Amino acid sequence: MKDGALSSSDAATGGWDGILDPGEHVLWQDRPVPGLTFAGAQPMVIAVGLIFIAFSLFWMAMVTSMIGTTLGVIALFPLFGLPFLLIGLWTGGGSLLWAAWLRRYTTYTLTNRRAMIASDLPYLGRRLQSWPIDATSRIDLDDGDPGNVWFSRRHYSSRNAAHFKPIGFLRVTNPRRVYSILRNIGTGAT
């Protein structure tokens, strides 16, 4: 078990008290492989983000040079580029940095009944999400080193279409083993 990981004894005695149900026990636990990854990054979205950054910096610099040392409401005009700068920073790579930071504080756990993703983020607190695993669970494997194992999906709908976001353990070191454990939970073999 890795340092800081949620163990069954932790769930019973400290930190995450009362997490496991009677008869439930931990089968596997790990943390995602840390670091920045470009897997799933969309080059066109990043390019648009970089364009937003360039435009907003150009806007703020030009407006600042035009108004000089003027005071009053007009002195706020350069700040109109700030929302575009923030959008550009997020889409131009900030979201990738955020995901890497989140992984640093995330622990994955599989019990004989469910999959859990726990996070303990500085200043934002603790969060635990769990998904029951049974015969109806769709389990998918993205093999690799590290790899991803998907066990659920979240439904989003808009006016024109429905979208599904996969949910799973991202960047795990032995995805085939995790996939096998999940399949065994789903068939009741654990």
C-alpha atoms as a PDB file:
ATOM      1  CA  MET A   1       0.000   0.000   0.000  1.00  0.00           C
ATOM      2  CA  LYS A   2       1.378   3.401  -0.916  1.00  0.00           C
ATOM      3  CA  ASP A   3       1.897   6.236   1.532  1.00  0.00           C
ATOM      4  CA  GLY A   4      -1.271   8.272   2.032  1.00  0.00           C
ATOM      5  CA  ALA A   5      -3.522   5.687   0.396  1.00  0.00           C
ATOM      6  CA  LEU A   6      -6.894   4.832   1.906  1.00  0.00           C
ATOM      7  CA  SER A   7      -6.714   1.377   3.468  1.00  0.00           C
ATOM      8  CA  SER A   8      -9.483  -0.722   4.921  1.00  0.00           C
ATOM      9  CA  SER A   9      -8.075  -0.065   8.399  1.00  0.00           C
ATOM     10  CA  ASP A  10      -8.071   3.702   7.674  1.00  0.00           C
ATOM     11  CA  ALA A  11     -11.692   3.441   6.597  1.00  0.00           C
ATOM     12  CA  ALA A  12     -12.571   1.726   9.871  1.00  0.00           C
ATOM     13  CA  THR A  13     -10.471   3.779  12.293  1.00  0.00           C
ATOM     14  CA  GLY A  14      -9.500   7.180  10.958  1.00  0.00           C
ATOM     15  CA  GLY A  15      -9.677   9.775   8.253  1.00  0.00           C
ATOM     16  CA  TRP A  16     -12.476   8.265   6.211  1.00  0.00           C
ATOM     17  CA  ASP A  17     -14.457   6.694   9.089  1.00  0.00           C
ATOM     18  CA  GLY A  18     -17.344   4.430   8.165  1.00  0.00           C
ATOM     19  CA  ILE A  19     -16.607   4.192   4.446  1.00  0.00           C
ATOM     20  CA  LEU A  20     -16.792   0.418   4.093  1.00  0.00           C
ATOM     21  CA  ASP A  21     -20.092  -1.392   4.636  1.00  0.00           C
ATOM     22  CA  PRO A  22     -20.282  -4.525   6.791  1.00  0.00           C
ATOM     23  CA  GLY A  23     -18.813  -7.430   4.828  1.00  0.00           C
ATOM     24  CA  GLU A  24     -17.093  -5.112   2.363  1.00  0.00           C
ATOM     25  CA  HIS A  25     -13.319  -5.342   2.016  1.00  0.00           C
ATOM     26  CA  VAL A  26     -10.589  -3.752  -0.104  1.00  0.00           C
ATOM     27  CA  LEU A  27      -9.345  -5.822  -3.064  1.00  0.00           C
ATOM     28  CA  TRP A  28      -7.045  -3.279  -4.703  1.00  0.00           C
ATOM     29  CA  GLN A  29      -5.812   0.204  -4.061  1.00  0.00           C
ATOM     30  CA  ASP A  30      -3.368   2.532  -5.775  1.00  0.00           C
ATOM     31  CA  ARG A  31      -2.755   6.064  -6.897  1.00  0.00           C
ATOM     32  CA  PRO A  32      -2.615   7.325 -10.474  1.00  0.00           C
ATOM     33  CA  VAL A  33       0.811   7.737 -12.031  1.00  0.00           C
ATOM     34  CA  PRO A  34       1.691  11.396 -11.402  1.00  0.00           C
ATOM     35  CA  GLY A  35       2.832  13.922 -13.945  1.00  0.00           C
ATOM     36  CA  LEU A  36       1.637  15.836 -16.945  1.00  0.00           C
ATOM     37  CA  THR A  37       0.136  13.869 -19.793  1.00  0.00           C
ATOM     38  CA  PHE A  38      -1.133  14.929 -23.185  1.00  0.00           C
ATOM     39  CA  ALA A  39      -3.290  11.817 -23.602  1.00  0.00           C
ATOM     40  CA  GLY A  40      -6.760  12.993 -24.531  1.00  0.00           C
ATOM     41  CA  ALA A  41      -5.549  16.508 -25.275  1.00  0.00           C
ATOM     42  CA  GLN A  42      -7.116  18.063 -28.342  1.00  0.00           C
ATOM     43  CA  PRO A  43      -4.533  19.964 -30.411  1.00  0.00           C
ATOM     44  CA  MET A  44      -7.132  22.246 -31.994  1.00  0.00           C
ATOM     45  CA  VAL A  45      -8.520  23.252 -28.588  1.00  0.00           C
ATOM     46  CA  ILE A  46      -4.996  24.007 -27.347  1.00  0.00           C
ATOM     47  CA  ALA A  47      -4.326  26.040 -30.511  1.00  0.00           C
ATOM     48  CA  VAL A  48      -7.493  28.086 -29.946  1.00  0.00           C
ATOM     49  CA  GLY A  49      -6.405  28.632 -26.340  1.00  0.00           C
ATOM     50  CA  LEU A  50      -3.041  29.940 -27.503  1.00  0.00           C
ATOM     51  CA  ILE A  51      -4.797  32.299 -29.921  1.00  0.00           C
ATOM     52  CA  PHE A  52      -6.957  33.582 -27.040  1.00  0.00           C
ATOM     53  CA  ILE A  53      -3.828  34.174 -24.958  1.00  0.00           C
ATOM     54  CA  ALA A  54      -2.090  36.062 -27.769  1.00  0.00           C
ATOM     55  CA  PHE A  55      -5.183  38.150 -28.552  1.00  0.00           C
ATOM     56  CA  SER A  56      -5.854  39.075 -24.941  1.00  0.00           C
ATOM     57  CA  LEU A  57      -2.228  40.045 -24.251  1.00  0.00           C
ATOM     58  CA  PHE A  58      -2.186  42.113 -27.454  1.00  0.00           C
ATOM     59  CA  TRP A  59      -5.496  43.766 -26.473  1.00  0.00           C
ATOM     60  CA  MET A  60      -4.364  44.631 -22.970  1.00  0.00           C
ATOM     61  CA  ALA A  61      -0.974  45.962 -24.148  1.00  0.00           C
ATOM     62  CA  MET A  62      -2.449  48.097 -26.948  1.00  0.00           C
ATOM     63  CA  VAL A  63      -5.231  49.568 -24.826  1.00  0.00           C
ATOM     64  CA  THR A  64      -2.791  50.287 -22.009  1.00  0.00           C
ATOM     65  CA  SER A  65      -0.453  52.099 -24.394  1.00  0.00           C
ATOM     66  CA  MET A  66      -3.349  54.121 -25.885  1.00  0.00           C
ATOM     67  CA  ILE A  67      -4.792  55.314 -22.608  1.00  0.00           C
ATOM     68  CA  GLY A  68      -1.429  55.972 -20.964  1.00  0.00           C
ATOM     69  CA  THR A  69      -1.833  57.287 -17.446  1.00  0.00           C
ATOM     70  CA  THR A  70      -5.499  58.223 -17.818  1.00  0.00           C
ATOM     71  CA  LEU A  71      -7.536  57.794 -14.667  1.00  0.00           C
ATOM     72  CA  GLY A  72     -11.190  56.987 -14.244  1.00  0.00           C
ATOM     73  CA  VAL A  73     -13.391  54.379 -15.870  1.00  0.00           C
ATOM     74  CA  ILE A  74     -11.338  54.361 -19.075  1.00  0.00           C
ATOM     75  CA  ALA A  75      -8.381  52.994 -17.089  1.00  0.00           C
ATOM     76  CA  LEU A  76     -10.369  49.750 -16.687  1.00  0.00           C
ATOM     77  CA  PHE A  77     -10.480  49.044 -20.450  1.00  0.00           C
ATOM     78  CA  PRO A  78      -7.334  46.886 -20.466  1.00  0.00           C
ATOM     79  CA  LEU A  79      -9.052  44.558 -17.999  1.00  0.00           C
ATOM     80  CA  PHE A  80     -11.630  43.604 -20.645  1.00  0.00           C
ATOM     81  CA  GLY A  81      -8.956  41.301 -22.057  1.00  0.00           C
ATOM     82  CA  LEU A  82      -8.659  39.423 -18.763  1.00  0.00           C
ATOM     83  CA  PRO A  83     -11.582  36.983 -19.323  1.00  0.00           C
ATOM     84  CA  PHE A  84     -10.094  36.066 -22.720  1.00  0.00           C
ATOM     85  CA  LEU A  85      -6.695  35.549 -21.099  1.00  0.00           C
ATOM     86  CA  LEU A  86      -8.211  33.222 -18.486  1.00  0.00           C
ATOM     87  CA  ILE A  87     -10.113  31.238 -21.133  1.00  0.00           C
ATOM     88  CA  GLY A  88      -6.935  30.963 -23.184  1.00  0.00           C
ATOM     89  CA  LEU A  89      -4.852  29.829 -20.228  1.00  0.00           C
ATOM     90  CA  TRP A  90      -7.396  27.119 -19.376  1.00  0.00           C
ATOM     91  CA  THR A  91      -7.851  25.775 -22.909  1.00  0.00           C
ATOM     92  CA  GLY A  92      -4.218  26.302 -23.882  1.00  0.00           C
ATOM     93  CA  GLY A  93      -2.913  23.887 -21.258  1.00  0.00           C
ATOM     94  CA  GLY A  94      -4.240  24.912 -17.866  1.00  0.00           C
ATOM     95  CA  SER A  95      -6.752  22.070 -17.837  1.00  0.00           C
ATOM     96  CA  LEU A  96      -3.901  19.583 -18.370  1.00  0.00           C
ATOM     97  CA  LEU A  97      -1.979  21.089 -15.453  1.00  0.00           C
ATOM     98  CA  TRP A  98      -5.104  20.987 -13.277  1.00  0.00           C
ATOM     99  CA  ALA A  99      -5.663  17.292 -14.059  1.00  0.00           C
ATOM    100  CA  ALA A 100      -2.026  16.511 -13.169  1.00  0.00           C
ATOM    101  CA  TRP A 101      -2.405  18.391  -9.875  1.00  0.00           C
ATOM    102  CA  LEU A 102      -5.637  16.521  -9.039  1.00  0.00           C
ATOM    103  CA  ARG A 103      -3.991  13.135  -9.674  1.00  0.00           C
ATOM    104  CA  ARG A 104      -1.376  13.972  -7.070  1.00  0.00           C
ATOM    105  CA  TYR A 105      -4.058  13.932  -4.350  1.00  0.00           C
ATOM    106  CA  THR A 106      -6.203  11.057  -5.642  1.00  0.00           C
ATOM    107  CA  THR A 107      -6.495   7.459  -4.444  1.00  0.00           C
ATOM    108  CA  TYR A 108      -8.314   4.642  -6.229  1.00  0.00           C
ATOM    109  CA  THR A 109      -9.909   1.781  -4.312  1.00  0.00           C
ATOM    110  CA  LEU A 110     -11.754  -1.364  -5.375  1.00  0.00           C
ATOM    111  CA  THR A 111     -13.752  -3.301  -2.846  1.00  0.00           C
ATOM    112  CA  ASN A 112     -15.731  -6.475  -3.348  1.00  0.00           C
ATOM    113  CA  ARG A 113     -18.778  -4.264  -4.078  1.00  0.00           C
ATOM    114  CA  ARG A 114     -17.748  -0.952  -5.583  1.00  0.00           C
ATOM    115  CA  ALA A 115     -15.138   1.312  -7.112  1.00  0.00           C
ATOM    116  CA  MET A 116     -14.124   4.445  -5.209  1.00  0.00           C
ATOM    117  CA  ILE A 117     -12.184   7.553  -6.129  1.00  0.00           C
ATOM    118  CA  ALA A 118     -11.046   9.588  -3.138  1.00  0.00           C
ATOM    119  CA  SER A 119      -9.321  12.940  -3.197  1.00  0.00           C
ATOM    120  CA  ASP A 120      -7.922  15.074  -0.406  1.00  0.00           C
ATOM    121  CA  LEU A 121      -7.157  18.416  -2.004  1.00  0.00           C
ATOM    122  CA  PRO A 122      -5.349  21.208  -0.175  1.00  0.00           C
ATOM    123  CA  TYR A 123      -7.779  24.019   0.676  1.00  0.00           C
ATOM    124  CA  LEU A 124     -10.634  22.224  -1.110  1.00  0.00           C
ATOM    125  CA  GLY A 125     -11.067  19.302   1.298  1.00  0.00           C
ATOM    126  CA  ARG A 126     -11.945  15.669   0.950  1.00  0.00           C
ATOM    127  CA  ARG A 127     -14.212  14.104  -1.598  1.00  0.00           C
ATOM    128  CA  LEU A 128     -15.228  10.501  -2.101  1.00  0.00           C
ATOM    129  CA  GLN A 129     -17.187   9.160  -5.030  1.00  0.00           C
ATOM    130  CA  SER A 130     -18.239   5.538  -5.388  1.00  0.00           C
ATOM    131  CA  TRP A 131     -19.920   3.445  -8.037  1.00  0.00           C
ATOM    132  CA  PRO A 132     -21.453   0.013  -7.457  1.00  0.00           C
ATOM    133  CA  ILE A 133     -19.979  -2.753  -9.580  1.00  0.00           C
ATOM    134  CA  ASP A 134     -22.290  -5.552 -10.693  1.00  0.00           C
ATOM    135  CA  ALA A 135     -23.134  -7.679 -13.718  1.00  0.00           C
ATOM    136  CA  THR A 136     -24.592  -4.647 -15.543  1.00  0.00           C
ATOM    137  CA  SER A 137     -21.405  -2.561 -15.199  1.00  0.00           C
ATOM    138  CA  ARG A 138     -19.679  -1.893 -18.503  1.00  0.00           C
ATOM    139  CA  ILE A 139     -15.963  -2.377 -17.934  1.00  0.00           C
ATOM    140  CA  ASP A 140     -13.450  -1.224 -20.551  1.00  0.00           C
ATOM    141  CA  LEU A 141      -9.670  -1.324 -20.694  1.00  0.00           C
ATOM    142  CA  ASP A 142      -7.267   1.134 -22.298  1.00  0.00           C
ATOM    143  CA  ASP A 143      -4.163  -1.004 -22.069  1.00  0.00           C
ATOM    144  CA  GLY A 144      -0.798   0.642 -21.675  1.00  0.00           C
ATOM    145  CA  ASP A 145       1.793   1.597 -19.140  1.00  0.00           C
ATOM    146  CA  PRO A 146       0.130   3.436 -17.524  1.00  0.00           C
ATOM    147  CA  GLY A 147      -3.364   2.550 -18.678  1.00  0.00           C
ATOM    148  CA  ASN A 148      -6.982   3.361 -17.915  1.00  0.00           C
ATOM    149  CA  VAL A 149      -9.829   1.159 -16.721  1.00  0.00           C
ATOM    150  CA  TRP A 150     -13.373   2.454 -17.214  1.00  0.00           C
ATOM    151  CA  PHE A 151     -16.294   1.184 -15.122  1.00  0.00           C
ATOM    152  CA  SER A 152     -19.074   3.738 -15.472  1.00  0.00           C
ATOM    153  CA  ARG A 153     -20.150   6.797 -17.416  1.00  0.00           C
ATOM    154  CA  ARG A 154     -21.929  10.007 -16.665  1.00  0.00           C
ATOM    155  CA  HIS A 155     -24.737  11.182 -18.919  1.00  0.00           C
ATOM    156  CA  TYR A 156     -24.906  14.780 -20.104  1.00  0.00           C
ATOM    157  CA  SER A 157     -27.581  16.091 -22.396  1.00  0.00           C
ATOM    158  CA  SER A 158     -28.002  19.272 -24.319  1.00  0.00           C
ATOM    159  CA  ARG A 159     -30.739  20.525 -26.535  1.00  0.00           C
ATOM    160  CA  ASN A 160     -29.306  18.749 -29.560  1.00  0.00           C
ATOM    161  CA  ALA A 161     -27.544  15.634 -28.295  1.00  0.00           C
ATOM    162  CA  ALA A 162     -26.682  13.342 -25.424  1.00  0.00           C
ATOM    163  CA  HIS A 163     -23.094  12.911 -24.315  1.00  0.00           C
ATOM    164  CA  PHE A 164     -21.428  10.357 -22.096  1.00  0.00           C
ATOM    165  CA  LYS A 165     -18.265  10.968 -20.122  1.00  0.00           C
ATOM    166  CA  PRO A 166     -16.443   7.782 -19.116  1.00  0.00           C
ATOM    167  CA  ILE A 167     -15.553   7.329 -15.451  1.00  0.00           C
ATOM    168  CA  GLY A 168     -12.705   5.164 -14.285  1.00  0.00           C
ATOM    169  CA  PHE A 169      -9.244   4.765 -12.893  1.00  0.00           C
ATOM    170  CA  LEU A 170      -6.849   6.853 -14.986  1.00  0.00           C
ATOM    171  CA  ARG A 171      -3.124   6.222 -15.395  1.00  0.00           C
ATOM    172  CA  VAL A 172      -2.851   3.033 -13.312  1.00  0.00           C
ATOM    173  CA  THR A 173       0.343   0.985 -13.417  1.00  0.00           C
ATOM    174  CA  ASN A 174      -1.219  -2.434 -13.989  1.00  0.00           C
ATOM    175  CA  PRO A 175      -4.486  -1.827 -15.837  1.00  0.00           C
ATOM    176  CA  ARG A 176      -4.975  -5.488 -16.849  1.00  0.00           C
ATOM    177  CA  ARG A 177      -4.953  -6.586 -13.210  1.00  0.00           C
ATOM    178  CA  VAL A 178      -7.454  -3.874 -12.267  1.00  0.00           C
ATOM    179  CA  TYR A 179      -9.624  -4.832 -15.251  1.00  0.00           C
ATOM    180  CA  SER A 180      -9.578  -8.467 -14.123  1.00  0.00           C
ATOM    181  CA  ILE A 181     -10.552  -7.552 -10.547  1.00  0.00           C
ATOM    182  CA  LEU A 182     -13.422  -5.397 -11.815  1.00  0.00           C
ATOM    183  CA  ARG A 183     -14.694  -8.216 -14.039  1.00  0.00           C
ATOM    184  CA  ASN A 184     -14.551 -10.636 -11.106  1.00  0.00           C
ATOM    185  CA  ILE A 185     -16.509  -8.205  -8.914  1.00  0.00           C
ATOM    186  CA  GLY A 186     -19.121  -7.867 -11.666  1.00  0.00           C
ATOM    187  CA  THR A 187     -19.552 -11.629 -11.968  1.00  0.00           C
ATOM    188  CA  GLY A 188     -19.589 -12.158  -8.200  1.00  0.00           C
ATOM    189  CA  ALA A 189     -16.326 -14.147  -8.229  1.00  0.00           C
ATOM    190  CA  THR A 190     -14.722 -12.130  -5.398  1.00  0.00           C
END
